[in-house]
Amino acid sequence: MNTQSPYGLEVLARLVATIHERRSASPDKSYTAQLVARGVPVCAKKLGEEAVEVAIAAVSGDRKSLTAEAADLLFHLVVLLEAADLPLPDVMAELARREGVSGIVEKAGRS
């Protein structure tokens, strides 16, 4: 039986576990530990920078660059969630809650 996701989500699960583990590593030895130690504002800024790089790569039409920048964006999103003590399963539960709901309807329901 093939237990691998067709979307490679097991890679994301391993990334989440690795980032969680490295959070407590020495900042001298781990970039992830450095980011988390610097706090949510620094992690959020880095995520914003990566998002801009994704947008630029998308507009340029360079698929290789877009792939690399999208990977960076996912990495930094998981780091930010770790720094904010927000487990990725909480985000996934929110996505599940929204599943099948029109984006227009979902946005209208926000307060």
PDB file of N, CA and C in Angstrom:
ATOM      1  N   MET A   1       0.840  -1.187   0.000  1.00  0.00           N
ATOM      2  CA  MET A   1       0.000   0.000   0.000  1.00  0.00           C
ATOM      3  C   MET A   1       0.884   1.249   0.000  1.00  0.00           C
ATOM      4  N   ASN A   2       0.601   2.208  -0.862  1.00  0.00           N
ATOM      5  CA  ASN A   2       1.354   3.451  -0.954  1.00  0.00           C
ATOM      6  C   ASN A   2       0.788   4.445   0.061  1.00  0.00           C
ATOM      7  N   THR A   3       1.612   4.835   1.031  1.00  0.00           N
ATOM      8  CA  THR A   3       1.159   5.758   2.069  1.00  0.00           C
ATOM      9  C   THR A   3       1.604   7.189   1.795  1.00  0.00           C
ATOM     10  N   GLN A   4       2.253   7.409   0.666  1.00  0.00           N
ATOM     11  CA  GLN A   4       2.719   8.751   0.365  1.00  0.00           C
ATOM     12  C   GLN A   4       1.600   9.572  -0.273  1.00  0.00           C
ATOM     13  N   SER A   5       1.511  10.809   0.140  1.00  0.00           N
ATOM     14  CA  SER A   5       0.546  11.726  -0.430  1.00  0.00           C
ATOM     15  C   SER A   5       0.960  12.070  -1.853  1.00  0.00           C
ATOM     16  N   PRO A   6      -0.009  12.187  -2.754  1.00  0.00           N
ATOM     17  CA  PRO A   6       0.355  12.587  -4.119  1.00  0.00           C
ATOM     18  C   PRO A   6       0.880  14.021  -4.168  1.00  0.00           C
ATOM     19  N   TYR A   7       0.686  14.770  -3.109  1.00  0.00           N
ATOM     20  CA  TYR A   7       1.141  16.157  -3.062  1.00  0.00           C
ATOM     21  C   TYR A   7       2.423  16.330  -2.255  1.00  0.00           C
ATOM     22  N   GLY A   8       2.988  15.259  -1.749  1.00  0.00           N
ATOM     23  CA  GLY A   8       4.212  15.354  -0.971  1.00  0.00           C
ATOM     24  C   GLY A   8       4.005  15.935   0.413  1.00  0.00           C
ATOM     25  N   LEU A   9       2.802  15.821   0.960  1.00  0.00           N
ATOM     26  CA  LEU A   9       2.526  16.424   2.261  1.00  0.00           C
ATOM     27  C   LEU A   9       3.311  15.783   3.395  1.00  0.00           C
ATOM     28  N   GLU A  10       3.791  14.562   3.179  1.00  0.00           N
ATOM     29  CA  GLU A  10       4.632  13.940   4.211  1.00  0.00           C
ATOM     30  C   GLU A  10       5.929  14.735   4.382  1.00  0.00           C
ATOM     31  N   VAL A  11       6.386  15.386   3.327  1.00  0.00           N
ATOM     32  CA  VAL A  11       7.577  16.244   3.421  1.00  0.00           C
ATOM     33  C   VAL A  11       7.272  17.432   4.332  1.00  0.00           C
ATOM     34  N   LEU A  12       6.096  18.006   4.184  1.00  0.00           N
ATOM     35  CA  LEU A  12       5.696  19.123   5.044  1.00  0.00           C
ATOM     36  C   LEU A  12       5.599  18.670   6.495  1.00  0.00           C
ATOM     37  N   ALA A  13       5.063  17.488   6.724  1.00  0.00           N
ATOM     38  CA  ALA A  13       4.968  16.961   8.093  1.00  0.00           C
ATOM     39  C   ALA A  13       6.359  16.782   8.697  1.00  0.00           C
ATOM     40  N   ARG A  14       7.303  16.275   7.901  1.00  0.00           N
ATOM     41  CA  ARG A  14       8.681  16.133   8.409  1.00  0.00           C
ATOM     42  C   ARG A  14       9.303  17.499   8.671  1.00  0.00           C
ATOM     43  N   LEU A  15       9.022  18.480   7.819  1.00  0.00           N
ATOM     44  CA  LEU A  15       9.549  19.829   8.025  1.00  0.00           C
ATOM     45  C   LEU A  15       9.028  20.401   9.342  1.00  0.00           C
ATOM     46  N   VAL A  16       7.750  20.246   9.589  1.00  0.00           N
ATOM     47  CA  VAL A  16       7.158  20.750  10.840  1.00  0.00           C
ATOM     48  C   VAL A  16       7.853  20.112  12.039  1.00  0.00           C
ATOM     49  N   ALA A  17       8.066  18.799  11.978  1.00  0.00           N
ATOM     50  CA  ALA A  17       8.724  18.094  13.087  1.00  0.00           C
ATOM     51  C   ALA A  17      10.162  18.564  13.264  1.00  0.00           C
ATOM     52  N   THR A  18      10.862  18.759  12.162  1.00  0.00           N
ATOM     53  CA  THR A  18      12.260  19.210  12.232  1.00  0.00           C
ATOM     54  C   THR A  18      12.356  20.609  12.818  1.00  0.00           C
ATOM     55  N   ILE A  19      11.482  21.504  12.380  1.00  0.00           N
ATOM     56  CA  ILE A  19      11.499  22.876  12.899  1.00  0.00           C
ATOM     57  C   ILE A  19      11.171  22.874  14.387  1.00  0.00           C
ATOM     58  N   HIS A  20      10.209  22.075  14.784  1.00  0.00           N
ATOM     59  CA  HIS A  20       9.865  21.990  16.213  1.00  0.00           C
ATOM     60  C   HIS A  20      11.063  21.493  17.027  1.00  0.00           C
ATOM     61  N   GLU A  21      11.742  20.491  16.506  1.00  0.00           N
ATOM     62  CA  GLU A  21      12.917  19.936  17.193  1.00  0.00           C
ATOM     63  C   GLU A  21      14.051  20.962  17.262  1.00  0.00           C
ATOM     64  N   ARG A  22      14.283  21.659  16.174  1.00  0.00           N
ATOM     65  CA  ARG A  22      15.400  22.615  16.119  1.00  0.00           C
ATOM     66  C   ARG A  22      15.140  23.884  16.893  1.00  0.00           C
ATOM     67  N   ARG A  23      13.906  24.117  17.253  1.00  0.00           N
ATOM     68  CA  ARG A  23      13.580  25.297  18.050  1.00  0.00           C
ATOM     69  C   ARG A  23      14.436  25.360  19.303  1.00  0.00           C
ATOM     70  N   SER A  24      14.691  24.207  19.899  1.00  0.00           N
ATOM     71  CA  SER A  24      15.441  24.171  21.148  1.00  0.00           C
ATOM     72  C   SER A  24      16.937  23.946  20.939  1.00  0.00           C
ATOM     73  N   ALA A  25      17.386  23.933  19.706  1.00  0.00           N
ATOM     74  CA  ALA A  25      18.818  23.778  19.415  1.00  0.00           C
ATOM     75  C   ALA A  25      19.557  25.074  19.724  1.00  0.00           C
ATOM     76  N   SER A  26      20.856  24.991  19.717  1.00  0.00           N
ATOM     77  CA  SER A  26      21.676  26.186  19.922  1.00  0.00           C
ATOM     78  C   SER A  26      21.558  27.102  18.704  1.00  0.00           C
ATOM     79  N   PRO A  27      21.262  28.387  18.937  1.00  0.00           N
ATOM     80  CA  PRO A  27      21.212  29.326  17.810  1.00  0.00           C
ATOM     81  C   PRO A  27      22.544  29.428  17.051  1.00  0.00           C
ATOM     82  N   ASP A  28      23.632  29.041  17.707  1.00  0.00           N
ATOM     83  CA  ASP A  28      24.932  29.036  17.025  1.00  0.00           C
ATOM     84  C   ASP A  28      25.019  27.945  15.965  1.00  0.00           C
ATOM     85  N   LYS A  29      24.178  26.924  16.104  1.00  0.00           N
ATOM     86  CA  LYS A  29      24.259  25.769  15.210  1.00  0.00           C
ATOM     87  C   LYS A  29      23.037  25.603  14.311  1.00  0.00           C
ATOM     88  N   SER A  30      21.975  26.391  14.530  1.00  0.00           N
ATOM     89  CA  SER A  30      20.733  26.201  13.784  1.00  0.00           C
ATOM     90  C   SER A  30      20.124  27.536  13.368  1.00  0.00           C
ATOM     91  N   TYR A  31      19.943  27.698  12.061  1.00  0.00           N
ATOM     92  CA  TYR A  31      19.287  28.893  11.525  1.00  0.00           C
ATOM     93  C   TYR A  31      17.854  28.975  12.055  1.00  0.00           C
ATOM     94  N   THR A  32      17.186  27.839  12.124  1.00  0.00           N
ATOM     95  CA  THR A  32      15.817  27.812  12.647  1.00  0.00           C
ATOM     96  C   THR A  32      15.792  28.313  14.090  1.00  0.00           C
ATOM     97  N   ALA A  33      16.696  27.826  14.911  1.00  0.00           N
ATOM     98  CA  ALA A  33      16.766  28.266  16.311  1.00  0.00           C
ATOM     99  C   ALA A  33      17.053  29.767  16.394  1.00  0.00           C
ATOM    100  N   GLN A  34      17.899  30.264  15.507  1.00  0.00           N
ATOM    101  CA  GLN A  34      18.184  31.704  15.472  1.00  0.00           C
ATOM    102  C   GLN A  34      16.913  32.496  15.210  1.00  0.00           C
ATOM    103  N   LEU A  35      16.154  32.068  14.200  1.00  0.00           N
ATOM    104  CA  LEU A  35      14.929  32.782  13.847  1.00  0.00           C
ATOM    105  C   LEU A  35      13.923  32.757  14.992  1.00  0.00           C
ATOM    106  N   VAL A  36      13.669  31.574  15.536  1.00  0.00           N
ATOM    107  CA  VAL A  36      12.679  31.440  16.608  1.00  0.00           C
ATOM    108  C   VAL A  36      13.103  32.253  17.831  1.00  0.00           C
ATOM    109  N   ALA A  37      14.398  32.232  18.152  1.00  0.00           N
ATOM    110  CA  ALA A  37      14.904  32.982  19.299  1.00  0.00           C
ATOM    111  C   ALA A  37      14.716  34.487  19.124  1.00  0.00           C
ATOM    112  N   ARG A  38      14.715  34.942  17.887  1.00  0.00           N
ATOM    113  CA  ARG A  38      14.558  36.380  17.627  1.00  0.00           C
ATOM    114  C   ARG A  38      13.102  36.826  17.714  1.00  0.00           C
ATOM    115  N   GLY A  39      12.192  35.872  17.769  1.00  0.00           N
ATOM    116  CA  GLY A  39      10.798  36.188  18.038  1.00  0.00           C
ATOM    117  C   GLY A  39       9.911  36.341  16.813  1.00  0.00           C
ATOM    118  N   VAL A  40       8.634  36.472  17.119  1.00  0.00           N
ATOM    119  CA  VAL A  40       7.601  36.553  16.088  1.00  0.00           C
ATOM    120  C   VAL A  40       7.814  37.728  15.134  1.00  0.00           C
ATOM    121  N   PRO A  41       8.145  38.927  15.620  1.00  0.00           N
ATOM    122  CA  PRO A  41       8.302  40.034  14.671  1.00  0.00           C
ATOM    123  C   PRO A  41       9.363  39.762  13.594  1.00  0.00           C
ATOM    124  N   VAL A  42      10.483  39.188  13.975  1.00  0.00           N
ATOM    125  CA  VAL A  42      11.540  38.885  12.999  1.00  0.00           C
ATOM    126  C   VAL A  42      11.075  37.785  12.050  1.00  0.00           C
ATOM    127  N   CYS A  43      10.430  36.774  12.593  1.00  0.00           N
ATOM    128  CA  CYS A  43       9.925  35.687  11.740  1.00  0.00           C
ATOM    129  C   CYS A  43       8.866  36.203  10.769  1.00  0.00           C
ATOM    130  N   ALA A  44       8.010  37.094  11.238  1.00  0.00           N
ATOM    131  CA  ALA A  44       6.972  37.671  10.390  1.00  0.00           C
ATOM    132  C   ALA A  44       7.583  38.519   9.277  1.00  0.00           C
ATOM    133  N   LYS A  45       8.593  39.280   9.606  1.00  0.00           N
ATOM    134  CA  LYS A  45       9.270  40.095   8.592  1.00  0.00           C
ATOM    135  C   LYS A  45       9.898  39.202   7.524  1.00  0.00           C
ATOM    136  N   LYS A  46      10.544  38.137   7.956  1.00  0.00           N
ATOM    137  CA  LYS A  46      11.176  37.218   7.011  1.00  0.00           C
ATOM    138  C   LYS A  46      10.124  36.564   6.130  1.00  0.00           C
ATOM    139  N   LEU A  47       8.982  36.190   6.701  1.00  0.00           N
ATOM    140  CA  LEU A  47       7.899  35.606   5.920  1.00  0.00           C
ATOM    141  C   LEU A  47       7.412  36.597   4.863  1.00  0.00           C
ATOM    142  N   GLY A  48       7.267  37.847   5.245  1.00  0.00           N
ATOM    143  CA  GLY A  48       6.849  38.882   4.291  1.00  0.00           C
ATOM    144  C   GLY A  48       7.831  39.038   3.149  1.00  0.00           C
ATOM    145  N   GLU A  49       9.121  39.016   3.466  1.00  0.00           N
ATOM    146  CA  GLU A  49      10.147  39.114   2.420  1.00  0.00           C
ATOM    147  C   GLU A  49      10.031  37.942   1.452  1.00  0.00           C
ATOM    148  N   GLU A  50       9.826  36.754   2.008  1.00  0.00           N
ATOM    149  CA  GLU A  50       9.712  35.566   1.159  1.00  0.00           C
ATOM    150  C   GLU A  50       8.457  35.629   0.292  1.00  0.00           C
ATOM    151  N   ALA A  51       7.373  36.149   0.837  1.00  0.00           N
ATOM    152  CA  ALA A  51       6.129  36.273   0.059  1.00  0.00           C
ATOM    153  C   ALA A  51       6.326  37.199  -1.136  1.00  0.00           C
ATOM    154  N   VAL A  52       7.034  38.284  -0.926  1.00  0.00           N
ATOM    155  CA  VAL A  52       7.330  39.200  -2.038  1.00  0.00           C
ATOM    156  C   VAL A  52       8.175  38.496  -3.089  1.00  0.00           C
ATOM    157  N   GLU A  53       9.153  37.721  -2.654  1.00  0.00           N
ATOM    158  CA  GLU A  53      10.001  36.991  -3.604  1.00  0.00           C
ATOM    159  C   GLU A  53       9.197  35.973  -4.400  1.00  0.00           C
ATOM    160  N   VAL A  54       8.209  35.343  -3.763  1.00  0.00           N
ATOM    161  CA  VAL A  54       7.325  34.415  -4.478  1.00  0.00           C
ATOM    162  C   VAL A  54       6.534  35.169  -5.542  1.00  0.00           C
ATOM    163  N   ALA A  55       5.986  36.307  -5.164  1.00  0.00           N
ATOM    164  CA  ALA A  55       5.192  37.092  -6.114  1.00  0.00           C
ATOM    165  C   ALA A  55       6.037  37.534  -7.307  1.00  0.00           C
ATOM    166  N   ILE A  56       7.245  37.975  -7.049  1.00  0.00           N
ATOM    167  CA  ILE A  56       8.134  38.405  -8.138  1.00  0.00           C
ATOM    168  C   ILE A  56       8.469  37.233  -9.050  1.00  0.00           C
ATOM    169  N   ALA A  57       8.772  36.090  -8.469  1.00  0.00           N
ATOM    170  CA  ALA A  57       9.093  34.905  -9.271  1.00  0.00           C
ATOM    171  C   ALA A  57       7.884  34.475 -10.102  1.00  0.00           C
ATOM    172  N   ALA A  58       6.695  34.564  -9.537  1.00  0.00           N
ATOM    173  CA  ALA A  58       5.486  34.184 -10.273  1.00  0.00           C
ATOM    174  C   ALA A  58       5.255  35.095 -11.467  1.00  0.00           C
ATOM    175  N   VAL A  59       5.417  36.385 -11.256  1.00  0.00           N
ATOM    176  CA  VAL A  59       5.213  37.349 -12.336  1.00  0.00           C
ATOM    177  C   VAL A  59       6.273  37.195 -13.421  1.00  0.00           C
ATOM    178  N   SER A  60       7.478  36.814 -13.023  1.00  0.00           N
ATOM    179  CA  SER A  60       8.556  36.660 -14.000  1.00  0.00           C
ATOM    180  C   SER A  60       8.370  35.441 -14.896  1.00  0.00           C
ATOM    181  N   GLY A  61       7.537  34.505 -14.431  1.00  0.00           N
ATOM    182  CA  GLY A  61       7.305  33.297 -15.214  1.00  0.00           C
ATOM    183  C   GLY A  61       8.409  32.262 -15.096  1.00  0.00           C
ATOM    184  N   ASP A  62       9.332  32.468 -14.162  1.00  0.00           N
ATOM    185  CA  ASP A  62      10.454  31.540 -13.966  1.00  0.00           C
ATOM    186  C   ASP A  62      10.016  30.456 -12.991  1.00  0.00           C
ATOM    187  N   ARG A  63       9.624  29.293 -13.525  1.00  0.00           N
ATOM    188  CA  ARG A  63       9.095  28.207 -12.690  1.00  0.00           C
ATOM    189  C   ARG A  63      10.121  27.689 -11.690  1.00  0.00           C
ATOM    190  N   LYS A  64      11.378  27.614 -12.088  1.00  0.00           N
ATOM    191  CA  LYS A  64      12.409  27.121 -11.176  1.00  0.00           C
ATOM    192  C   LYS A  64      12.552  28.067  -9.987  1.00  0.00           C
ATOM    193  N   SER A  65      12.580  29.358 -10.272  1.00  0.00           N
ATOM    194  CA  SER A  65      12.680  30.354  -9.203  1.00  0.00           C
ATOM    195  C   SER A  65      11.423  30.345  -8.335  1.00  0.00           C
ATOM    196  N   LEU A  66      10.264  30.226  -8.964  1.00  0.00           N
ATOM    197  CA  LEU A  66       9.012  30.181  -8.206  1.00  0.00           C
ATOM    198  C   LEU A  66       8.983  28.965  -7.286  1.00  0.00           C
ATOM    199  N   THR A  67       9.447  27.836  -7.772  1.00  0.00           N
ATOM    200  CA  THR A  67       9.489  26.628  -6.955  1.00  0.00           C
ATOM    201  C   THR A  67      10.375  26.840  -5.728  1.00  0.00           C
ATOM    202  N   ALA A  68      11.566  27.378  -5.944  1.00  0.00           N
ATOM    203  CA  ALA A  68      12.506  27.603  -4.845  1.00  0.00           C
ATOM    204  C   ALA A  68      11.955  28.622  -3.850  1.00  0.00           C
ATOM    205  N   GLU A  69      11.383  29.691  -4.360  1.00  0.00           N
ATOM    206  CA  GLU A  69      10.860  30.725  -3.465  1.00  0.00           C
ATOM    207  C   GLU A  69       9.627  30.244  -2.713  1.00  0.00           C
ATOM    208  N   ALA A  70       8.796  29.425  -3.356  1.00  0.00           N
ATOM    209  CA  ALA A  70       7.625  28.867  -2.677  1.00  0.00           C
ATOM    210  C   ALA A  70       8.065  27.940  -1.544  1.00  0.00           C
ATOM    211  N   ALA A  71       9.126  27.170  -1.773  1.00  0.00           N
ATOM    212  CA  ALA A  71       9.660  26.312  -0.713  1.00  0.00           C
ATOM    213  C   ALA A  71      10.159  27.163   0.458  1.00  0.00           C
ATOM    214  N   ASP A  72      10.859  28.254   0.147  1.00  0.00           N
ATOM    215  CA  ASP A  72      11.317  29.167   1.201  1.00  0.00           C
ATOM    216  C   ASP A  72      10.133  29.738   1.974  1.00  0.00           C
ATOM    217  N   LEU A  73       9.069  30.098   1.254  1.00  0.00           N
ATOM    218  CA  LEU A  73       7.890  30.667   1.895  1.00  0.00           C
ATOM    219  C   LEU A  73       7.244  29.674   2.851  1.00  0.00           C
ATOM    220  N   LEU A  74       7.102  28.426   2.417  1.00  0.00           N
ATOM    221  CA  LEU A  74       6.534  27.404   3.302  1.00  0.00           C
ATOM    222  C   LEU A  74       7.405  27.194   4.534  1.00  0.00           C
ATOM    223  N   PHE A  75       8.718  27.143   4.324  1.00  0.00           N
ATOM    224  CA  PHE A  75       9.638  26.987   5.456  1.00  0.00           C
ATOM    225  C   PHE A  75       9.429  28.122   6.464  1.00  0.00           C
ATOM    226  N   HIS A  76       9.430  29.350   5.978  1.00  0.00           N
ATOM    227  CA  HIS A  76       9.331  30.492   6.890  1.00  0.00           C
ATOM    228  C   HIS A  76       7.944  30.616   7.508  1.00  0.00           C
ATOM    229  N   LEU A  77       6.902  30.141   6.831  1.00  0.00           N
ATOM    230  CA  LEU A  77       5.581  30.102   7.447  1.00  0.00           C
ATOM    231  C   LEU A  77       5.584  29.136   8.629  1.00  0.00           C
ATOM    232  N   VAL A  78       6.163  27.969   8.444  1.00  0.00           N
ATOM    233  CA  VAL A  78       6.219  26.992   9.544  1.00  0.00           C
ATOM    234  C   VAL A  78       7.068  27.525  10.697  1.00  0.00           C
ATOM    235  N   VAL A  79       8.166  28.214  10.395  1.00  0.00           N
ATOM    236  CA  VAL A  79       8.989  28.813  11.449  1.00  0.00           C
ATOM    237  C   VAL A  79       8.181  29.862  12.216  1.00  0.00           C
ATOM    238  N   LEU A  80       7.444  30.700  11.507  1.00  0.00           N
ATOM    239  CA  LEU A  80       6.622  31.711  12.170  1.00  0.00           C
ATOM    240  C   LEU A  80       5.571  31.057  13.062  1.00  0.00           C
ATOM    241  N   LEU A  81       4.916  30.019  12.561  1.00  0.00           N
ATOM    242  CA  LEU A  81       3.924  29.321  13.383  1.00  0.00           C
ATOM    243  C   LEU A  81       4.571  28.746  14.637  1.00  0.00           C
ATOM    244  N   GLU A  82       5.766  28.190  14.489  1.00  0.00           N
ATOM    245  CA  GLU A  82       6.498  27.637  15.645  1.00  0.00           C
ATOM    246  C   GLU A  82       6.833  28.747  16.639  1.00  0.00           C
ATOM    247  N   ALA A  83       7.312  29.871  16.156  1.00  0.00           N
ATOM    248  CA  ALA A  83       7.661  30.995  17.039  1.00  0.00           C
ATOM    249  C   ALA A  83       6.427  31.531  17.758  1.00  0.00           C
ATOM    250  N   ALA A  84       5.284  31.457  17.092  1.00  0.00           N
ATOM    251  CA  ALA A  84       4.034  31.956  17.670  1.00  0.00           C
ATOM    252  C   ALA A  84       3.309  30.886  18.491  1.00  0.00           C
ATOM    253  N   ASP A  85       3.921  29.703  18.621  1.00  0.00           N
ATOM    254  CA  ASP A  85       3.306  28.585  19.347  1.00  0.00           C
ATOM    255  C   ASP A  85       1.926  28.232  18.795  1.00  0.00           C
ATOM    256  N   LEU A  86       1.813  28.289  17.462  1.00  0.00           N
ATOM    257  CA  LEU A  86       0.572  27.916  16.792  1.00  0.00           C
ATOM    258  C   LEU A  86       0.835  26.645  15.989  1.00  0.00           C
ATOM    259  N   PRO A  87       0.316  25.505  16.446  1.00  0.00           N
ATOM    260  CA  PRO A  87       0.569  24.250  15.743  1.00  0.00           C
ATOM    261  C   PRO A  87      -0.065  24.243  14.352  1.00  0.00           C
ATOM    262  N   LEU A  88       0.651  23.711  13.391  1.00  0.00           N
ATOM    263  CA  LEU A  88       0.129  23.611  12.034  1.00  0.00           C
ATOM    264  C   LEU A  88      -1.211  22.869  11.995  1.00  0.00           C
ATOM    265  N   PRO A  89      -1.438  21.836  12.826  1.00  0.00           N
ATOM    266  CA  PRO A  89      -2.760  21.193  12.804  1.00  0.00           C
ATOM    267  C   PRO A  89      -3.913  22.167  13.084  1.00  0.00           C
ATOM    268  N   ASP A  90      -3.663  23.220  13.850  1.00  0.00           N
ATOM    269  CA  ASP A  90      -4.710  24.222  14.077  1.00  0.00           C
ATOM    270  C   ASP A  90      -5.049  24.951  12.774  1.00  0.00           C
ATOM    271  N   VAL A  91      -4.027  25.246  11.985  1.00  0.00           N
ATOM    272  CA  VAL A  91      -4.229  25.901  10.691  1.00  0.00           C
ATOM    273  C   VAL A  91      -4.952  24.946   9.740  1.00  0.00           C
ATOM    274  N   MET A  92      -4.548  23.681   9.762  1.00  0.00           N
ATOM    275  CA  MET A  92      -5.186  22.692   8.903  1.00  0.00           C
ATOM    276  C   MET A  92      -6.653  22.511   9.287  1.00  0.00           C
ATOM    277  N   ALA A  93      -6.959  22.567  10.576  1.00  0.00           N
ATOM    278  CA  ALA A  93      -8.348  22.465  11.027  1.00  0.00           C
ATOM    279  C   ALA A  93      -9.168  23.646  10.513  1.00  0.00           C
ATOM    280  N   GLU A  94      -8.559  24.813  10.484  1.00  0.00           N
ATOM    281  CA  GLU A  94      -9.258  25.988   9.949  1.00  0.00           C
ATOM    282  C   GLU A  94      -9.516  25.818   8.455  1.00  0.00           C
ATOM    283  N   LEU A  95      -8.533  25.283   7.736  1.00  0.00           N
ATOM    284  CA  LEU A  95      -8.746  25.007   6.310  1.00  0.00           C
ATOM    285  C   LEU A  95      -9.870  23.992   6.121  1.00  0.00           C
ATOM    286  N   ALA A  96      -9.888  22.967   6.953  1.00  0.00           N
ATOM    287  CA  ALA A  96     -10.950  21.955   6.870  1.00  0.00           C
ATOM    288  C   ALA A  96     -12.314  22.579   7.145  1.00  0.00           C
ATOM    289  N   ARG A  97     -12.363  23.489   8.108  1.00  0.00           N
ATOM    290  CA  ARG A  97     -13.628  24.160   8.434  1.00  0.00           C
ATOM    291  C   ARG A  97     -14.144  24.948   7.237  1.00  0.00           C
ATOM    292  N   ARG A  98     -13.226  25.543   6.481  1.00  0.00           N
ATOM    293  CA  ARG A  98     -13.604  26.364   5.331  1.00  0.00           C
ATOM    294  C   ARG A  98     -13.890  25.548   4.073  1.00  0.00           C
ATOM    295  N   GLU A  99     -13.511  24.286   4.095  1.00  0.00           N
ATOM    296  CA  GLU A  99     -13.648  23.450   2.912  1.00  0.00           C
ATOM    297  C   GLU A  99     -15.101  23.407   2.432  1.00  0.00           C
ATOM    298  N   GLY A 100     -15.277  23.627   1.156  1.00  0.00           N
ATOM    299  CA  GLY A 100     -16.606  23.589   0.564  1.00  0.00           C
ATOM    300  C   GLY A 100     -17.399  24.865   0.730  1.00  0.00           C
ATOM    301  N   VAL A 101     -16.794  25.877   1.351  1.00  0.00           N
ATOM    302  CA  VAL A 101     -17.463  27.159   1.539  1.00  0.00           C
ATOM    303  C   VAL A 101     -16.886  28.136   0.524  1.00  0.00           C
ATOM    304  N   SER A 102     -17.750  28.822  -0.166  1.00  0.00           N
ATOM    305  CA  SER A 102     -17.312  29.825  -1.128  1.00  0.00           C
ATOM    306  C   SER A 102     -16.431  30.857  -0.437  1.00  0.00           C
ATOM    307  N   GLY A 103     -15.382  31.276  -1.102  1.00  0.00           N
ATOM    308  CA  GLY A 103     -14.509  32.313  -0.554  1.00  0.00           C
ATOM    309  C   GLY A 103     -15.263  33.599  -0.278  1.00  0.00           C
ATOM    310  N   ILE A 104     -16.222  33.911  -1.112  1.00  0.00           N
ATOM    311  CA  ILE A 104     -17.025  35.124  -0.915  1.00  0.00           C
ATOM    312  C   ILE A 104     -17.867  34.985   0.353  1.00  0.00           C
ATOM    313  N   VAL A 105     -18.479  33.833   0.536  1.00  0.00           N
ATOM    314  CA  VAL A 105     -19.298  33.586   1.724  1.00  0.00           C
ATOM    315  C   VAL A 105     -18.428  33.576   2.974  1.00  0.00           C
ATOM    316  N   GLU A 106     -17.279  32.901   2.890  1.00  0.00           N
ATOM    317  CA  GLU A 106     -16.381  32.805   4.044  1.00  0.00           C
ATOM    318  C   GLU A 106     -15.908  34.187   4.481  1.00  0.00           C
ATOM    319  N   LYS A 107     -15.500  35.020   3.537  1.00  0.00           N
ATOM    320  CA  LYS A 107     -15.021  36.359   3.879  1.00  0.00           C
ATOM    321  C   LYS A 107     -16.141  37.216   4.463  1.00  0.00           C
ATOM    322  N   ALA A 108     -17.342  37.065   3.948  1.00  0.00           N
ATOM    323  CA  ALA A 108     -18.480  37.841   4.456  1.00  0.00           C
ATOM    324  C   ALA A 108     -18.802  37.463   5.895  1.00  0.00           C
ATOM    325  N   GLY A 109     -18.496  36.231   6.287  1.00  0.00           N
ATOM    326  CA  GLY A 109     -18.789  35.773   7.638  1.00  0.00           C
ATOM    327  C   GLY A 109     -17.758  36.170   8.676  1.00  0.00           C
ATOM    328  N   ARG A 110     -16.644  36.752   8.253  1.00  0.00           N
ATOM    329  CA  ARG A 110     -15.621  37.184   9.211  1.00  0.00           C
ATOM    330  C   ARG A 110     -16.076  38.459   9.904  1.00  0.00           C
ATOM    331  N   SER A 111     -15.729  38.576  11.178  1.00  0.00           N
ATOM    332  CA  SER A 111     -16.105  39.808  11.895  1.00  0.00           C
ATOM    333  C   SER A 111     -14.933  40.734  11.998  1.00  0.00           C
TER     334      SER A 111
END
